[in-house]
Amino acid sequence: MQAPYSFTRNPLALGLINFYLGISIALGSISSLIIVLIFSAAILLYIKNIEEKELAQRYGADYVAYKKMTPFLIPRRSNK
């Protein structure tokens, strides 16, 4: 499978964090960088503590197997 969800379980979160991080760096504003980091931490905590539990309840063993194969946020390098 070559879809985004085969590389990371949270491609949307990864994209948003990178987008807003890039904007804050381009602006050169420490305050915007701090806001982005707090926002990112909040999103990741929500995903890890709430969303993943709901997905495990909904999809059971299939989701648990998917979690074991796919990283939470940062994609692994492929040796293909």
N, C-alpha and C. Protein backbone atom coordinates (compact mmCIF):
# COMPACT_ATOMS: atom_id res chain seq x y z
N MET A 1 0.84 -1.17 0.00
CA MET A 1 0.00 0.00 0.00
C MET A 1 0.89 1.24 0.00
N GLN A 2 0.61 2.21 -0.84
CA GLN A 2 1.40 3.43 -0.94
C GLN A 2 0.59 4.67 -0.60
N ALA A 3 -0.41 4.55 0.24
CA ALA A 3 -1.21 5.69 0.65
C ALA A 3 -0.57 6.37 1.86
N PRO A 4 -0.93 7.63 2.14
CA PRO A 4 -0.32 8.33 3.29
C PRO A 4 -0.44 7.57 4.61
N TYR A 5 -1.57 6.89 4.81
CA TYR A 5 -1.78 6.17 6.07
C TYR A 5 -0.94 4.90 6.17
N SER A 6 -0.21 4.55 5.14
CA SER A 6 0.71 3.41 5.24
C SER A 6 2.07 3.86 5.77
N PHE A 7 2.33 5.16 5.79
CA PHE A 7 3.61 5.70 6.28
C PHE A 7 3.51 6.25 7.69
N THR A 8 2.36 6.82 8.04
CA THR A 8 2.13 7.38 9.36
C THR A 8 0.64 7.25 9.69
N ARG A 9 0.33 7.02 10.97
CA ARG A 9 -1.07 6.90 11.34
C ARG A 9 -1.77 8.26 11.35
N ASN A 10 -1.03 9.33 11.31
CA ASN A 10 -1.61 10.67 11.42
C ASN A 10 -1.03 11.64 10.40
N PRO A 11 -1.24 11.38 9.10
CA PRO A 11 -0.65 12.26 8.09
C PRO A 11 -1.22 13.68 8.12
N LEU A 12 -2.49 13.82 8.47
CA LEU A 12 -3.08 15.16 8.53
C LEU A 12 -2.43 15.98 9.65
N ALA A 13 -2.27 15.38 10.81
CA ALA A 13 -1.62 16.08 11.92
C ALA A 13 -0.18 16.44 11.56
N LEU A 14 0.53 15.51 10.95
CA LEU A 14 1.91 15.77 10.54
C LEU A 14 1.98 16.94 9.56
N GLY A 15 1.08 16.95 8.59
CA GLY A 15 1.05 18.03 7.61
C GLY A 15 0.72 19.38 8.23
N LEU A 16 -0.28 19.40 9.11
CA LEU A 16 -0.65 20.66 9.76
C LEU A 16 0.47 21.20 10.64
N ILE A 17 1.08 20.31 11.41
CA ILE A 17 2.18 20.74 12.28
C ILE A 17 3.32 21.31 11.44
N ASN A 18 3.69 20.62 10.38
CA ASN A 18 4.77 21.11 9.52
C ASN A 18 4.41 22.44 8.87
N PHE A 19 3.17 22.57 8.42
CA PHE A 19 2.71 23.81 7.79
C PHE A 19 2.82 24.99 8.75
N TYR A 20 2.22 24.84 9.93
CA TYR A 20 2.23 25.95 10.89
C TYR A 20 3.62 26.20 11.47
N LEU A 21 4.41 25.16 11.61
CA LEU A 21 5.79 25.34 12.05
C LEU A 21 6.58 26.14 11.01
N GLY A 22 6.37 25.82 9.74
CA GLY A 22 7.03 26.55 8.67
C GLY A 22 6.64 28.01 8.64
N ILE A 23 5.36 28.29 8.84
CA ILE A 23 4.90 29.68 8.86
C ILE A 23 5.53 30.43 10.03
N SER A 24 5.54 29.81 11.20
CA SER A 24 6.11 30.51 12.36
C SER A 24 7.60 30.76 12.19
N ILE A 25 8.31 29.82 11.57
CA ILE A 25 9.74 30.03 11.31
C ILE A 25 9.94 31.14 10.28
N ALA A 26 9.10 31.14 9.23
CA ALA A 26 9.21 32.18 8.21
C ALA A 26 8.92 33.57 8.78
N LEU A 27 7.99 33.64 9.73
CA LEU A 27 7.69 34.92 10.37
C LEU A 27 8.80 35.37 11.31
N GLY A 28 9.58 34.41 11.78
CA GLY A 28 10.66 34.73 12.70
C GLY A 28 10.18 35.17 14.06
N SER A 29 9.00 34.72 14.43
CA SER A 29 8.38 35.14 15.68
C SER A 29 8.47 34.02 16.72
N ILE A 30 9.11 34.32 17.83
CA ILE A 30 9.22 33.33 18.90
C ILE A 30 7.83 33.03 19.48
N SER A 31 6.99 34.06 19.62
CA SER A 31 5.66 33.83 20.20
C SER A 31 4.82 32.93 19.31
N SER A 32 4.90 33.10 18.00
CA SER A 32 4.13 32.21 17.11
C SER A 32 4.68 30.79 17.16
N LEU A 33 5.98 30.64 17.30
CA LEU A 33 6.58 29.31 17.43
C LEU A 33 6.10 28.63 18.71
N ILE A 34 6.04 29.37 19.79
CA ILE A 34 5.56 28.80 21.06
C ILE A 34 4.10 28.38 20.93
N ILE A 35 3.29 29.20 20.29
CA ILE A 35 1.87 28.87 20.10
C ILE A 35 1.74 27.60 19.26
N VAL A 36 2.52 27.49 18.20
CA VAL A 36 2.47 26.30 17.34
C VAL A 36 2.89 25.06 18.12
N LEU A 37 3.91 25.17 18.94
CA LEU A 37 4.36 24.02 19.73
C LEU A 37 3.30 23.58 20.74
N ILE A 38 2.64 24.54 21.39
CA ILE A 38 1.57 24.21 22.34
C ILE A 38 0.40 23.58 21.60
N PHE A 39 0.01 24.16 20.48
CA PHE A 39 -1.08 23.63 19.65
C PHE A 39 -0.76 22.21 19.19
N SER A 40 0.48 21.99 18.76
CA SER A 40 0.90 20.67 18.29
C SER A 40 0.85 19.64 19.42
N ALA A 41 1.34 20.02 20.58
CA ALA A 41 1.31 19.11 21.73
C ALA A 41 -0.13 18.75 22.09
N ALA A 42 -1.03 19.73 22.06
CA ALA A 42 -2.43 19.47 22.39
C ALA A 42 -3.06 18.51 21.39
N ILE A 43 -2.80 18.71 20.11
CA ILE A 43 -3.35 17.82 19.08
C ILE A 43 -2.82 16.40 19.26
N LEU A 44 -1.53 16.27 19.47
CA LEU A 44 -0.92 14.94 19.60
C LEU A 44 -1.40 14.23 20.87
N LEU A 45 -1.58 14.96 21.96
CA LEU A 45 -2.12 14.35 23.18
C LEU A 45 -3.55 13.87 22.97
N TYR A 46 -4.35 14.67 22.28
CA TYR A 46 -5.72 14.26 21.98
C TYR A 46 -5.73 12.98 21.14
N ILE A 47 -4.94 12.96 20.10
CA ILE A 47 -4.90 11.79 19.21
C ILE A 47 -4.47 10.56 19.99
N LYS A 48 -3.40 10.68 20.76
CA LYS A 48 -2.84 9.54 21.48
C LYS A 48 -3.78 9.05 22.58
N ASN A 49 -4.37 9.97 23.34
CA ASN A 49 -5.15 9.57 24.52
C ASN A 49 -6.62 9.32 24.26
N ILE A 50 -7.18 9.90 23.24
CA ILE A 50 -8.62 9.76 23.00
C ILE A 50 -8.91 9.05 21.68
N GLU A 51 -8.42 9.62 20.58
CA GLU A 51 -8.76 9.09 19.26
C GLU A 51 -8.28 7.66 19.06
N GLU A 52 -7.05 7.36 19.46
CA GLU A 52 -6.53 6.01 19.23
C GLU A 52 -7.28 4.96 20.05
N LYS A 53 -7.72 5.33 21.25
CA LYS A 53 -8.52 4.39 22.06
C LYS A 53 -9.86 4.11 21.38
N GLU A 54 -10.48 5.16 20.84
CA GLU A 54 -11.76 4.97 20.14
C GLU A 54 -11.59 4.10 18.90
N LEU A 55 -10.51 4.32 18.16
CA LEU A 55 -10.26 3.51 16.97
C LEU A 55 -10.00 2.05 17.33
N ALA A 56 -9.29 1.82 18.42
CA ALA A 56 -9.03 0.44 18.87
C ALA A 56 -10.33 -0.24 19.27
N GLN A 57 -11.23 0.49 19.92
CA GLN A 57 -12.53 -0.09 20.29
C GLN A 57 -13.37 -0.37 19.05
N ARG A 58 -13.33 0.53 18.09
CA ARG A 58 -14.16 0.39 16.89
C ARG A 58 -13.65 -0.72 15.96
N TYR A 59 -12.33 -0.78 15.75
CA TYR A 59 -11.78 -1.71 14.75
C TYR A 59 -11.06 -2.91 15.34
N GLY A 60 -10.86 -2.93 16.65
CA GLY A 60 -10.32 -4.10 17.33
C GLY A 60 -8.93 -4.51 16.88
N ALA A 61 -8.78 -5.81 16.63
CA ALA A 61 -7.48 -6.40 16.31
C ALA A 61 -6.88 -5.83 15.03
N ASP A 62 -7.71 -5.45 14.07
CA ASP A 62 -7.19 -4.87 12.83
C ASP A 62 -6.43 -3.57 13.12
N TYR A 63 -7.00 -2.74 13.98
CA TYR A 63 -6.34 -1.48 14.30
C TYR A 63 -5.08 -1.71 15.13
N VAL A 64 -5.13 -2.65 16.04
CA VAL A 64 -3.95 -2.97 16.85
C VAL A 64 -2.80 -3.43 15.95
N ALA A 65 -3.11 -4.26 14.96
CA ALA A 65 -2.08 -4.72 14.02
C ALA A 65 -1.55 -3.55 13.19
N TYR A 66 -2.44 -2.67 12.75
CA TYR A 66 -2.04 -1.48 11.99
C TYR A 66 -1.12 -0.59 12.82
N LYS A 67 -1.45 -0.43 14.13
CA LYS A 67 -0.61 0.37 15.02
C LYS A 67 0.80 -0.20 15.13
N LYS A 68 0.89 -1.52 15.17
CA LYS A 68 2.20 -2.16 15.30
C LYS A 68 3.06 -1.96 14.05
N MET A 69 2.42 -1.86 12.89
CA MET A 69 3.14 -1.74 11.62
C MET A 69 3.45 -0.29 11.22
N THR A 70 2.68 0.67 11.73
CA THR A 70 2.74 2.04 11.23
C THR A 70 3.11 3.00 12.36
N PRO A 71 4.11 3.86 12.15
CA PRO A 71 4.50 4.80 13.20
C PRO A 71 3.41 5.84 13.50
N PHE A 72 3.42 6.34 14.71
CA PHE A 72 2.43 7.31 15.16
C PHE A 72 2.45 8.59 14.34
N LEU A 73 3.64 9.18 14.14
CA LEU A 73 3.69 10.46 13.46
C LEU A 73 4.82 10.54 12.43
N ILE A 74 6.02 10.22 12.82
CA ILE A 74 7.18 10.37 11.94
C ILE A 74 7.37 9.11 11.10
N PRO A 75 7.26 9.23 9.77
CA PRO A 75 7.42 8.05 8.91
C PRO A 75 8.83 7.46 9.01
N ARG A 76 8.91 6.16 8.85
CA ARG A 76 10.21 5.48 8.83
C ARG A 76 10.78 5.55 7.42
N ARG A 77 12.10 5.47 7.34
CA ARG A 77 12.74 5.38 6.03
C ARG A 77 12.49 4.00 5.47
N SER A 78 12.19 3.94 4.20
CA SER A 78 11.95 2.67 3.53
C SER A 78 13.24 2.15 2.93
N ASN A 79 13.44 0.84 3.00
CA ASN A 79 14.63 0.22 2.40
C ASN A 79 14.32 -0.41 1.06
N LYS A 80 13.25 0.03 0.42
CA LYS A 80 12.83 -0.57 -0.85
C LYS A 80 13.66 -0.05 -1.99
